[in-house]
Amino acid sequence: MRPLNFTVRRRINMKPSQAFGVVVRVIGLLGWLGAFFYLLSAFVVLAAPNYRPGVRPWWQYLLSAVILFVVGWFLMRDAERVVAFAYRSSSSDAPDA
């Protein structure tokens, strides 16, 4: 009988600039996740007036959600610009921008 466990050995070679691009996109995705929770908090504070009596900061949550959404969208969509800025030296690792 063959053993049921086996290992797949596959090597993934990434340049540091490519790994940095992945990190930038993950941070952008976390920004979207944070924007979702801020938006959810804005609806909770707006819908439940007894959540914090006398204080109505729903617009602060909404503004924070919009800012996080835009920053996350920029980081996910234009990660190449951030990587090109970070690796702007004449190294062979720099992307062709």
Protein backbone atom coordinates (compact mmCIF):
# COMPACT_ATOMS: atom_id res chain seq x y z
CA MET A 1 0.00 0.00 0.00
CA ARG A 2 1.04 3.56 -0.71
CA PRO A 3 1.20 5.97 2.18
CA LEU A 4 -1.59 8.51 2.24
CA ASN A 5 0.57 11.46 3.09
CA PHE A 6 2.86 13.00 0.54
CA THR A 7 4.59 16.30 0.11
CA VAL A 8 4.64 18.48 -2.93
CA ARG A 9 7.91 20.28 -3.34
CA ARG A 10 7.50 23.22 -5.57
CA ARG A 11 9.59 26.28 -5.39
CA ILE A 12 8.09 29.67 -6.08
CA ASN A 13 10.65 32.30 -6.90
CA MET A 14 9.49 35.86 -6.41
CA LYS A 15 11.50 39.01 -6.69
CA PRO A 16 11.38 41.29 -3.65
CA SER A 17 9.41 43.85 -5.64
CA GLN A 18 6.77 41.24 -6.50
CA ALA A 19 6.48 40.19 -2.86
CA PHE A 20 6.15 43.86 -1.88
CA GLY A 21 3.36 44.20 -4.45
CA VAL A 22 1.52 41.31 -2.83
CA VAL A 23 1.93 42.93 0.59
CA VAL A 24 0.59 46.26 -0.76
CA ARG A 25 -2.47 44.52 -2.22
CA VAL A 26 -3.11 42.66 1.05
CA ILE A 27 -2.96 45.95 2.95
CA GLY A 28 -5.46 47.37 0.45
CA LEU A 29 -7.75 44.41 1.04
CA LEU A 30 -7.48 44.96 4.80
CA GLY A 31 -8.43 48.58 4.18
CA TRP A 32 -11.59 47.41 2.42
CA LEU A 33 -12.35 45.10 5.31
CA GLY A 34 -11.90 47.96 7.77
CA ALA A 35 -14.13 50.18 5.63
CA PHE A 36 -16.85 47.54 5.74
CA PHE A 37 -16.73 47.40 9.55
CA TYR A 38 -16.73 51.20 9.85
CA LEU A 39 -19.76 51.31 7.56
CA LEU A 40 -21.45 48.67 9.68
CA SER A 41 -20.65 50.71 12.81
CA ALA A 42 -22.13 53.82 11.19
CA PHE A 43 -25.39 52.00 10.56
CA VAL A 44 -25.47 50.64 14.11
CA VAL A 45 -24.90 54.08 15.64
CA LEU A 46 -27.44 55.66 13.27
CA ALA A 47 -30.08 52.98 13.83
CA ALA A 48 -29.68 52.58 17.60
CA PRO A 49 -29.98 55.98 19.30
CA ASN A 50 -29.35 54.44 22.74
CA TYR A 51 -26.01 53.01 21.64
CA ARG A 52 -24.25 56.20 22.76
CA PRO A 53 -26.83 58.66 24.16
CA GLY A 54 -26.27 62.29 23.30
CA VAL A 55 -23.53 61.53 20.78
CA ARG A 56 -24.24 60.95 17.10
CA PRO A 57 -20.86 60.17 15.52
CA TRP A 58 -22.32 58.16 12.62
CA TRP A 59 -20.88 60.64 10.11
CA GLN A 60 -17.38 60.09 11.54
CA TYR A 61 -17.71 56.36 10.97
CA LEU A 62 -19.06 57.00 7.48
CA LEU A 63 -16.21 59.38 6.63
CA SER A 64 -13.64 56.88 7.95
CA ALA A 65 -15.26 54.14 5.86
CA VAL A 66 -15.08 56.25 2.71
CA ILE A 67 -11.43 57.16 3.32
CA LEU A 68 -10.44 53.55 4.02
CA PHE A 69 -12.35 52.35 0.96
CA VAL A 70 -10.62 54.85 -1.34
CA VAL A 71 -7.16 54.14 0.09
CA GLY A 72 -7.74 50.38 -0.09
CA TRP A 73 -9.00 50.70 -3.66
CA PHE A 74 -5.91 52.71 -4.63
CA LEU A 75 -3.56 50.18 -3.01
CA MET A 76 -5.23 47.24 -4.69
CA ARG A 77 -5.61 48.85 -8.11
CA ASP A 78 -2.38 50.84 -8.36
CA ALA A 79 0.04 48.66 -6.42
CA GLU A 80 2.46 48.89 -9.35
CA ARG A 81 2.82 52.64 -8.74
CA VAL A 82 3.65 52.06 -5.07
CA VAL A 83 6.16 49.35 -5.99
CA ALA A 84 7.71 51.56 -8.68
CA PHE A 85 8.06 54.35 -6.12
CA ALA A 86 9.60 52.02 -3.53
CA TYR A 87 11.98 50.40 -6.06
CA ARG A 88 12.91 53.44 -8.10
CA SER A 89 16.63 52.69 -8.10
CA SER A 90 18.40 51.37 -11.17
CA SER A 91 18.47 47.87 -9.73
CA SER A 92 17.56 44.89 -11.90
CA ASP A 93 14.76 44.17 -9.42
CA ALA A 94 12.91 47.38 -10.29
CA PRO A 95 9.77 46.94 -12.39
CA ASP A 96 9.70 48.38 -15.89
CA ALA A 97 7.56 51.44 -15.27
